[in-house]
Amino acid sequence: MEDRISGPRTTALPHWVAVANPTVMIVVGSLLSRVLPPPFSIWLDGAGLNLGMFFFMALSTKLLWHEPGLGLPRAIPLARPEP
């Protein structure tokens, strides 16, 4: 897909991640507290926003971290001072 202003859009994430956007994940996180058994549902009641953002960040981190050629750059060794 090409944008008229900035040119072609490229992303490191697969296209199916558009379905797992933060809004959908927040809804899933909110529904999670209603599905779990009583001790867990009480603990997680009201944490739908946080759970949804956690699920989305965990998913995107896993996808980007394990993508070949992507990830953190190699560390540059610091020069040691001469004695």
C-alpha atoms as a PDB file:
ATOM      1  CA  MET A   1       0.000   0.000   0.000  1.00  0.00           C
ATOM      2  CA  GLU A   2       1.378   3.363  -0.920  1.00  0.00           C
ATOM      3  CA  ASP A   3       0.669   6.547   0.953  1.00  0.00           C
ATOM      4  CA  ARG A   4       0.360   9.650  -1.227  1.00  0.00           C
ATOM      5  CA  ILE A   5       2.407  11.789   1.124  1.00  0.00           C
ATOM      6  CA  SER A   6       5.190   9.631   2.519  1.00  0.00           C
ATOM      7  CA  GLY A   7       5.526   6.809  -0.015  1.00  0.00           C
ATOM      8  CA  PRO A   8       5.210   3.054   0.559  1.00  0.00           C
ATOM      9  CA  ARG A   9       4.506   1.907   4.101  1.00  0.00           C
ATOM     10  CA  THR A  10       6.777  -0.745   5.487  1.00  0.00           C
ATOM     11  CA  THR A  11       6.598  -2.360   8.880  1.00  0.00           C
ATOM     12  CA  ALA A  12       8.455  -5.113  10.660  1.00  0.00           C
ATOM     13  CA  LEU A  13       5.212  -6.529  12.039  1.00  0.00           C
ATOM     14  CA  PRO A  14       3.109  -9.068  10.132  1.00  0.00           C
ATOM     15  CA  HIS A  15      -0.174  -7.851   8.674  1.00  0.00           C
ATOM     16  CA  TRP A  16      -2.306  -9.949  11.058  1.00  0.00           C
ATOM     17  CA  VAL A  17      -1.125  -7.796  13.983  1.00  0.00           C
ATOM     18  CA  ALA A  18      -3.552  -5.127  12.759  1.00  0.00           C
ATOM     19  CA  VAL A  19      -6.330  -7.332  14.189  1.00  0.00           C
ATOM     20  CA  ALA A  20      -4.515  -7.538  17.553  1.00  0.00           C
ATOM     21  CA  ASN A  21      -4.370  -3.781  18.022  1.00  0.00           C
ATOM     22  CA  PRO A  22      -4.377  -2.210  21.515  1.00  0.00           C
ATOM     23  CA  THR A  23      -8.142  -1.550  21.453  1.00  0.00           C
ATOM     24  CA  VAL A  24      -8.947  -5.207  20.778  1.00  0.00           C
ATOM     25  CA  MET A  25      -6.448  -6.316  23.412  1.00  0.00           C
ATOM     26  CA  ILE A  26      -8.013  -3.991  26.020  1.00  0.00           C
ATOM     27  CA  VAL A  27     -11.425  -5.563  25.333  1.00  0.00           C
ATOM     28  CA  VAL A  28      -9.867  -9.037  25.667  1.00  0.00           C
ATOM     29  CA  GLY A  29      -8.192  -7.996  28.925  1.00  0.00           C
ATOM     30  CA  SER A  30     -11.489  -6.655  30.260  1.00  0.00           C
ATOM     31  CA  LEU A  31     -13.325  -9.861  29.357  1.00  0.00           C
ATOM     32  CA  LEU A  32     -10.607 -11.972  30.950  1.00  0.00           C
ATOM     33  CA  SER A  33     -11.621 -10.966  34.475  1.00  0.00           C
ATOM     34  CA  ARG A  34     -15.196 -12.082  33.778  1.00  0.00           C
ATOM     35  CA  VAL A  35     -14.144 -15.528  32.540  1.00  0.00           C
ATOM     36  CA  LEU A  36     -11.658 -16.513  35.243  1.00  0.00           C
ATOM     37  CA  PRO A  37     -12.687 -18.274  38.471  1.00  0.00           C
ATOM     38  CA  PRO A  38     -13.499 -16.136  41.550  1.00  0.00           C
ATOM     39  CA  PRO A  39     -10.125 -15.597  43.231  1.00  0.00           C
ATOM     40  CA  PHE A  40      -8.475 -14.472  39.974  1.00  0.00           C
ATOM     41  CA  SER A  41     -11.474 -12.504  38.734  1.00  0.00           C
ATOM     42  CA  ILE A  42     -11.499 -10.458  41.952  1.00  0.00           C
ATOM     43  CA  TRP A  43      -7.776  -9.740  41.668  1.00  0.00           C
ATOM     44  CA  LEU A  44      -7.989  -8.720  38.007  1.00  0.00           C
ATOM     45  CA  ASP A  45     -11.245  -6.766  38.188  1.00  0.00           C
ATOM     46  CA  GLY A  46     -10.593  -3.282  36.783  1.00  0.00           C
ATOM     47  CA  ALA A  47      -7.241  -4.205  35.252  1.00  0.00           C
ATOM     48  CA  GLY A  48      -8.538  -4.564  31.674  1.00  0.00           C
ATOM     49  CA  LEU A  49      -6.649  -1.539  30.346  1.00  0.00           C
ATOM     50  CA  ASN A  50      -3.379  -2.647  31.896  1.00  0.00           C
ATOM     51  CA  LEU A  51      -3.824  -6.264  30.819  1.00  0.00           C
ATOM     52  CA  GLY A  52      -4.693  -5.243  27.271  1.00  0.00           C
ATOM     53  CA  MET A  53      -1.649  -3.010  26.953  1.00  0.00           C
ATOM     54  CA  PHE A  54       0.523  -5.733  28.509  1.00  0.00           C
ATOM     55  CA  PHE A  55      -0.759  -8.318  26.008  1.00  0.00           C
ATOM     56  CA  PHE A  56      -0.167  -5.982  23.056  1.00  0.00           C
ATOM     57  CA  MET A  57       3.335  -4.954  24.176  1.00  0.00           C
ATOM     58  CA  ALA A  58       4.286  -8.563  24.906  1.00  0.00           C
ATOM     59  CA  LEU A  59       3.047  -9.652  21.469  1.00  0.00           C
ATOM     60  CA  SER A  60       4.855  -6.887  19.609  1.00  0.00           C
ATOM     61  CA  THR A  61       8.049  -7.437  21.626  1.00  0.00           C
ATOM     62  CA  LYS A  62       8.017 -11.158  20.861  1.00  0.00           C
ATOM     63  CA  LEU A  63       7.404 -10.573  17.157  1.00  0.00           C
ATOM     64  CA  LEU A  64      10.060  -7.898  16.787  1.00  0.00           C
ATOM     65  CA  TRP A  65      12.669  -9.444  19.046  1.00  0.00           C
ATOM     66  CA  HIS A  66      12.713 -12.782  17.204  1.00  0.00           C
ATOM     67  CA  GLU A  67      12.496 -11.338  13.700  1.00  0.00           C
ATOM     68  CA  PRO A  68      15.735 -12.101  11.820  1.00  0.00           C
ATOM     69  CA  GLY A  69      17.804  -9.018  11.173  1.00  0.00           C
ATOM     70  CA  LEU A  70      15.878  -6.912  13.670  1.00  0.00           C
ATOM     71  CA  GLY A  71      16.228  -6.380  17.364  1.00  0.00           C
ATOM     72  CA  LEU A  72      18.730  -4.620  19.496  1.00  0.00           C
ATOM     73  CA  PRO A  73      21.951  -3.455  17.894  1.00  0.00           C
ATOM     74  CA  ARG A  74      25.170  -4.982  19.070  1.00  0.00           C
ATOM     75  CA  ALA A  75      26.780  -3.201  21.954  1.00  0.00           C
ATOM     76  CA  ILE A  76      29.769  -1.031  21.149  1.00  0.00           C
ATOM     77  CA  PRO A  77      32.629  -1.899  23.476  1.00  0.00           C
ATOM     78  CA  LEU A  78      33.851   0.994  25.522  1.00  0.00           C
ATOM     79  CA  ALA A  79      37.505   1.864  25.317  1.00  0.00           C
ATOM     80  CA  ARG A  80      39.324   1.159  28.540  1.00  0.00           C
ATOM     81  CA  PRO A  81      41.428   3.968  29.888  1.00  0.00           C
ATOM     82  CA  GLU A  82      45.134   3.318  29.751  1.00  0.00           C
ATOM     83  CA  PRO A  83      46.766   2.905  33.180  1.00  0.00           C
END
